[in-house]
Protein backbone atom coordinates (compact mmCIF):
# COMPACT_ATOMS: atom_id res chain seq x y z
CA MET A 1 3.97 -29.81 46.73
CA SER A 2 4.02 -26.48 48.57
CA LEU A 3 0.87 -24.87 49.87
CA LYS A 4 0.55 -21.70 51.93
CA ILE A 5 -3.21 -21.49 52.43
CA LEU A 6 -6.15 -23.68 51.52
CA SER A 7 -9.75 -22.54 51.45
CA CYS A 8 -12.67 -24.82 52.35
CA GLN A 9 -16.22 -23.52 52.62
CA GLY A 10 -14.81 -20.01 53.07
CA ARG A 11 -12.39 -21.04 55.86
CA LYS A 12 -8.64 -20.59 55.59
CA VAL A 13 -6.36 -23.51 56.42
CA THR A 14 -2.74 -22.66 57.15
CA GLN A 15 0.37 -24.74 56.58
CA GLU A 16 0.60 -25.26 60.33
CA GLN A 17 -2.94 -26.65 60.45
CA LEU A 18 -2.15 -28.91 57.50
CA GLN A 19 0.85 -30.33 59.35
CA TRP A 20 -1.35 -30.89 62.39
CA LEU A 21 -3.79 -32.84 60.22
CA ARG A 22 -1.01 -35.06 58.87
CA ARG A 23 0.16 -35.81 62.42
CA LEU A 24 -3.41 -36.60 63.46
CA ILE A 25 -3.73 -39.15 60.66
CA GLU A 26 -0.34 -40.71 61.47
CA GLU A 27 -1.06 -40.92 65.21
CA HIS A 28 -4.49 -42.50 64.75
CA PRO A 29 -4.24 -44.99 61.87
CA GLN A 30 -7.21 -46.90 63.26
CA TRP A 31 -9.58 -43.96 62.92
CA SER A 32 -12.23 -44.00 60.23
CA ARG A 33 -12.60 -41.19 57.72
CA TRP A 34 -15.78 -40.10 59.45
CA ARG A 35 -13.96 -39.76 62.78
CA LEU A 36 -11.23 -37.73 61.10
CA CYS A 37 -13.87 -35.40 59.61
CA LYS A 38 -15.53 -34.97 62.99
CA ASN A 39 -12.24 -34.22 64.73
CA LEU A 40 -11.22 -31.78 62.00
CA CYS A 41 -14.48 -29.86 62.36
CA GLU A 42 -14.16 -29.75 66.15
CA GLN A 43 -10.55 -28.55 66.10
CA LEU A 44 -11.09 -25.87 63.43
CA ASP A 45 -14.61 -25.03 64.64
CA TRP A 46 -16.24 -25.68 61.26
CA ARG A 47 -19.93 -25.38 62.03
CA THR A 48 -23.14 -24.35 60.35
CA ALA A 49 -25.05 -21.29 61.50
CA ASN A 50 -27.06 -23.45 63.90
CA GLY A 51 -23.95 -25.05 65.41
CA GLN A 52 -23.83 -28.40 63.60
CA LEU A 53 -20.45 -29.74 62.52
CA LYS A 54 -19.72 -29.37 58.79
CA THR A 55 -18.71 -33.02 58.40
CA PHE A 56 -19.81 -33.20 54.76
CA ALA A 57 -17.66 -30.16 53.89
CA ALA A 58 -14.76 -31.69 55.84
CA LYS A 59 -15.13 -34.96 53.95
CA SER A 60 -14.91 -33.13 50.64
CA PHE A 61 -11.94 -31.11 51.89
CA LEU A 62 -9.98 -34.21 52.97
CA ALA A 63 -10.67 -35.88 49.64
CA LYS A 64 -9.25 -32.85 47.81
CA LEU A 65 -6.14 -32.90 49.97
CA GLU A 66 -5.58 -36.56 49.16
CA GLN A 67 -6.10 -35.92 45.43
CA ARG A 68 -3.36 -33.28 45.56
CA GLY A 69 -0.99 -35.63 47.36
CA LEU A 70 -1.04 -33.57 50.56
CA CYS A 71 -2.20 -36.35 52.88
CA GLN A 72 -2.92 -40.06 52.90
CA LEU A 73 -6.35 -40.96 54.25
CA PRO A 74 -7.18 -44.34 55.80
CA ALA A 75 -8.78 -46.89 53.52
CA ILE A 76 -12.56 -46.78 53.25
CA ARG A 77 -14.00 -49.42 55.56
CA THR A 78 -16.52 -51.01 53.27
CA SER A 79 -17.02 -53.97 55.63
CA MET A 80 -18.27 -51.61 58.37
CA ARG A 81 -20.79 -49.81 56.23
CA ARG A 82 -24.41 -50.50 56.90
CA PRO A 83 -26.28 -51.69 53.85
CA PRO A 84 -28.44 -48.90 52.48
CA PRO A 85 -32.12 -49.17 53.39
CA PRO A 86 -34.37 -50.42 50.60
CA VAL A 87 -35.64 -47.59 48.44
CA PRO A 88 -39.43 -47.53 48.67
CA ARG A 89 -41.62 -47.14 45.63
CA ILE A 90 -45.26 -46.19 45.58
CA GLU A 91 -46.34 -49.78 45.01
CA ASP A 92 -44.46 -50.82 48.17
CA LEU A 93 -46.67 -48.60 50.34
CA ASN A 94 -49.86 -50.56 49.56
CA LEU A 95 -51.91 -47.42 49.01
CA PRO A 96 -55.21 -47.31 47.10
CA GLU A 97 -55.01 -46.29 43.47
CA PRO A 98 -55.28 -42.48 43.29
CA GLU A 99 -58.14 -41.00 41.34
CA PRO A 100 -57.35 -38.48 38.58
CA ILE A 101 -57.46 -34.84 39.65
CA GLU A 102 -58.48 -32.73 36.66
CA VAL A 103 -60.27 -29.65 37.99
CA SER A 104 -59.69 -25.92 38.16
CA LEU A 105 -57.13 -24.55 40.58
CA ARG A 106 -59.90 -22.74 42.45
CA GLU A 107 -61.49 -26.08 43.37
CA LEU A 108 -58.26 -27.25 45.06
CA ARG A 109 -57.72 -24.21 47.25
CA PRO A 110 -56.54 -23.63 49.87
CA LEU A 111 -53.35 -25.49 49.09
CA HIS A 112 -51.40 -26.98 51.98
CA ILE A 113 -47.61 -26.86 51.77
CA SER A 114 -46.05 -29.12 54.40
CA LEU A 115 -42.42 -29.40 55.39
CA VAL A 116 -41.41 -33.05 55.30
CA GLU A 117 -39.43 -33.80 58.45
CA THR A 118 -36.88 -36.60 58.79
CA GLY A 119 -38.50 -39.65 60.35
CA SER A 120 -42.06 -38.49 59.69
CA ASP A 121 -44.70 -40.56 57.94
CA LEU A 122 -44.77 -38.00 55.14
CA LYS A 123 -41.11 -38.65 54.34
CA HIS A 124 -41.75 -42.22 53.13
CA TYR A 125 -44.54 -41.10 50.82
CA TRP A 126 -42.61 -38.04 49.57
CA ARG A 127 -39.54 -40.13 48.83
CA ALA A 128 -41.53 -42.92 47.18
CA CYS A 129 -43.21 -40.40 44.85
CA LEU A 130 -39.90 -38.99 43.64
CA VAL A 131 -38.31 -42.42 43.29
CA SER A 132 -41.30 -43.70 41.33
CA TYR A 133 -42.32 -40.73 39.21
CA HIS A 134 -39.48 -38.23 38.79
CA TYR A 135 -37.32 -38.90 35.74
CA LEU A 136 -34.14 -38.44 37.82
CA GLY A 137 -35.36 -40.55 40.71
CA LEU A 138 -33.91 -39.68 44.12
CA ARG A 139 -30.48 -40.45 45.51
CA SER A 140 -29.19 -39.75 49.00
CA ILE A 141 -29.72 -36.17 50.18
CA VAL A 142 -26.80 -34.45 51.89
CA GLY A 143 -26.25 -30.98 53.25
CA GLU A 144 -28.85 -28.35 54.03
CA ASN A 145 -32.19 -29.04 52.37
CA LEU A 146 -35.94 -28.60 52.67
CA ARG A 147 -38.54 -31.05 51.42
CA TYR A 148 -42.10 -30.00 50.67
CA LEU A 149 -45.26 -32.01 50.08
CA ILE A 150 -48.15 -30.07 48.59
CA SER A 151 -51.78 -31.16 48.98
CA ASP A 152 -55.21 -29.70 48.27
CA ARG A 153 -58.00 -28.68 50.63
CA GLN A 154 -59.05 -32.32 50.91
CA HIS A 155 -55.44 -33.20 51.82
CA ARG A 156 -54.94 -35.14 48.60
CA PRO A 157 -51.25 -35.08 47.58
CA LEU A 158 -50.54 -32.99 44.49
CA ALA A 159 -46.80 -32.38 44.24
CA CYS A 160 -43.35 -32.79 45.80
CA ALA A 161 -40.42 -30.37 45.86
CA LEU A 162 -36.83 -30.51 47.09
CA PHE A 163 -34.55 -27.53 47.68
CA GLY A 164 -30.94 -28.22 48.61
CA ALA A 165 -27.34 -27.37 47.90
CA ALA A 166 -26.60 -25.00 45.03
CA ALA A 167 -24.32 -26.02 42.17
CA TRP A 168 -20.66 -25.58 43.12
CA LYS A 169 -19.98 -23.76 39.85
CA CYS A 170 -22.24 -22.39 37.12
CA ALA A 171 -20.68 -19.92 34.70
CA CYS A 172 -23.78 -17.88 33.81
CA ARG A 173 -24.97 -17.76 37.43
CA ASP A 174 -21.55 -16.76 38.75
CA GLN A 175 -21.27 -14.05 36.11
CA PHE A 176 -24.77 -12.79 37.01
CA ILE A 177 -23.79 -12.51 40.68
CA GLY A 178 -20.37 -11.12 39.88
CA TRP A 179 -18.43 -13.00 42.55
CA GLY A 180 -14.97 -14.51 42.59
CA THR A 181 -13.86 -17.95 43.77
CA GLU A 182 -13.38 -17.01 47.43
CA GLN A 183 -16.67 -15.11 47.53
CA ARG A 184 -18.46 -18.13 46.05
CA GLN A 185 -16.89 -20.48 48.58
CA SER A 186 -17.87 -18.19 51.45
CA HIS A 187 -21.45 -17.45 50.40
CA LEU A 188 -22.67 -20.41 48.34
CA HIS A 189 -24.76 -21.55 51.31
CA LEU A 190 -26.98 -18.50 50.73
CA ILE A 191 -28.26 -20.07 47.49
CA ALA A 192 -30.65 -23.03 47.41
CA GLY A 193 -31.19 -25.21 44.35
CA ASN A 194 -34.57 -26.60 43.40
CA SER A 195 -33.24 -30.01 42.38
CA ARG A 196 -36.60 -31.82 42.27
CA PHE A 197 -40.08 -30.60 41.42
CA LEU A 198 -42.81 -33.10 40.65
CA ILE A 199 -46.50 -32.70 39.92
CA LEU A 200 -47.90 -36.16 40.56
CA PRO A 201 -48.82 -37.89 37.29
CA TRP A 202 -52.55 -38.18 38.03
CA VAL A 203 -52.82 -34.42 38.68
CA ARG A 204 -53.57 -32.18 35.70
CA VAL A 205 -54.49 -28.69 36.85
CA LYS A 206 -53.72 -25.54 34.87
CA CYS A 207 -51.35 -23.08 36.61
CA LEU A 208 -50.84 -25.41 39.58
CA ALA A 209 -47.05 -25.71 39.19
CA SER A 210 -46.37 -21.98 39.00
CA THR A 211 -48.74 -21.34 41.92
CA ILE A 212 -46.88 -23.87 44.07
CA LEU A 213 -43.53 -22.29 43.20
CA SER A 214 -44.85 -18.85 44.11
CA ARG A 215 -46.15 -20.12 47.45
CA ILE A 216 -42.83 -21.79 48.31
CA ILE A 217 -40.91 -18.65 47.32
CA ARG A 218 -42.88 -16.64 49.89
CA ARG A 219 -41.96 -18.95 52.77
CA ILE A 220 -38.65 -20.66 52.00
CA ASP A 221 -36.41 -17.96 53.49
CA ALA A 222 -38.20 -18.17 56.84
CA ASP A 223 -38.25 -22.00 56.71
CA TRP A 224 -34.52 -22.10 55.95
CA ARG A 225 -33.71 -19.59 58.66
CA GLN A 226 -35.69 -21.54 61.25
CA ARG A 227 -33.98 -24.83 60.44
CA TYR A 228 -30.42 -23.73 59.66
CA GLY A 229 -30.00 -20.39 61.37
CA HIS A 230 -29.46 -18.33 58.22
CA GLY A 231 -31.60 -17.07 55.38
CA LEU A 232 -31.29 -17.28 51.59
CA GLU A 233 -30.57 -14.70 48.93
CA LEU A 234 -31.19 -16.59 45.69
CA LEU A 235 -32.87 -19.72 44.35
CA GLU A 236 -31.70 -21.61 41.29
CA THR A 237 -32.83 -24.52 39.15
CA PHE A 238 -31.72 -26.30 35.98
CA VAL A 239 -34.30 -27.28 33.37
CA ASP A 240 -33.64 -30.04 30.85
CA THR A 241 -35.15 -28.38 27.78
CA GLN A 242 -35.15 -31.68 25.91
CA ARG A 243 -37.91 -32.73 28.32
CA PHE A 244 -39.48 -29.51 29.62
CA ARG A 245 -40.09 -25.93 28.53
CA GLY A 246 -39.66 -24.31 31.94
CA THR A 247 -43.05 -22.63 31.62
CA CYS A 248 -43.91 -22.87 35.31
CA TYR A 249 -40.68 -21.12 36.34
CA GLN A 250 -41.29 -18.37 33.80
CA ALA A 251 -44.85 -17.92 35.07
CA ALA A 252 -43.54 -17.72 38.65
CA ASN A 253 -41.16 -14.89 37.58
CA TRP A 254 -37.90 -16.83 37.67
CA MET A 255 -35.20 -15.33 35.43
CA SER A 256 -33.43 -17.32 32.71
CA LEU A 257 -29.67 -16.74 32.69
CA GLY A 258 -28.59 -19.05 29.87
CA TYR A 259 -27.39 -22.64 29.68
CA THR A 260 -24.93 -24.88 31.44
CA ARG A 261 -21.93 -26.29 29.58
CA GLY A 262 -23.14 -29.88 29.63
CA ARG A 263 -21.12 -31.10 32.61
CA THR A 264 -22.11 -32.58 35.96
CA ARG A 265 -20.69 -32.05 39.44
CA GLN A 266 -19.08 -35.52 39.13
CA ASP A 267 -17.19 -34.48 35.96
CA ARG A 268 -13.73 -33.77 37.38
CA HIS A 269 -11.87 -34.74 34.22
CA HIS A 270 -14.04 -32.90 31.65
CA GLN A 271 -15.20 -36.20 30.14
CA ILE A 272 -18.84 -36.54 31.16
CA LYS A 273 -21.18 -35.11 28.55
CA VAL A 274 -24.84 -34.42 29.34
CA SER A 275 -27.39 -32.23 27.65
CA PRO A 276 -27.03 -28.53 28.59
CA LYS A 277 -29.65 -27.28 31.05
CA GLN A 278 -31.39 -23.92 31.06
CA VAL A 279 -30.49 -21.99 34.23
CA TYR A 280 -33.22 -20.12 36.09
CA VAL A 281 -32.81 -18.03 39.24
CA TYR A 282 -35.14 -16.19 41.59
CA ARG A 283 -33.94 -13.21 43.66
CA LEU A 284 -35.43 -13.44 47.13
CA ARG A 285 -34.44 -9.89 48.15
CA SER A 286 -33.08 -6.69 46.68
CA GLY A 287 -29.37 -6.24 47.14
CA PHE A 288 -28.84 -9.99 46.94
CA GLY A 289 -25.66 -9.49 44.87
CA GLN A 290 -23.97 -7.42 47.58
CA HIS A 291 -24.79 -10.04 50.20
CA LEU A 292 -23.51 -12.88 48.01
CA ARG A 293 -20.30 -10.98 47.27
CA GLY A 294 -19.86 -10.14 50.94
CA ALA A 295 -19.94 -6.43 50.18
């Protein structure tokens, strides 16, 4: 199979670099896939805005090369993998039973929106809430992301939110932005997806969800810039309308673009069918389209 140029995360890979990669694999058959990804990033200088190696992007890139028959990766070393840590649930944390919170929003203010840092005590609680109470649960989180825990003036937890990688493709979103494939590959990191949003089940407060979204909108660009060295242009989310009406996003001035086609990011063979989701976006700045198209 001939190939002149490949594109990965907006970076061009020449035929010469591809031949170098093949030689690297042949010369180091004992290397793990992770070591190959690390070496690839170092040699081609694939880094995030804050200097971290793009090992996750490299892993995806190598897998695509192997799928196309352009290289042969070493076997996955399942025996060397560490067993995943047990997934905590709320009941595992031995916390007292929370009391219902059914008051006016005014009685909860000021709200506290805390960034949940890796390794912090908040992380275990935040994760346990999503695993226990969100209908999608919580799998491993990869790539750039921010986790928020929202509490009231008495520091009682109210909600959890996760913003991470945007969908690789979304027809109505891509049409709204007006970008092509290469533009999307180069600038997708400027979009963050709200993949989890949970009001804790014992909390019933009118207008709380939309207020939280509005508060996060005002700070997420600065939070993202501080952690990853670049800002954001657009936020997106996908609402399962068989379960929810999306009222809080509408009240927080998110824009509905239409519906997905009922596929998932794991559906490489057009066989996985899921219910279409309503697509909402929020423009964080004027001129976002020009920035996302690289104009």
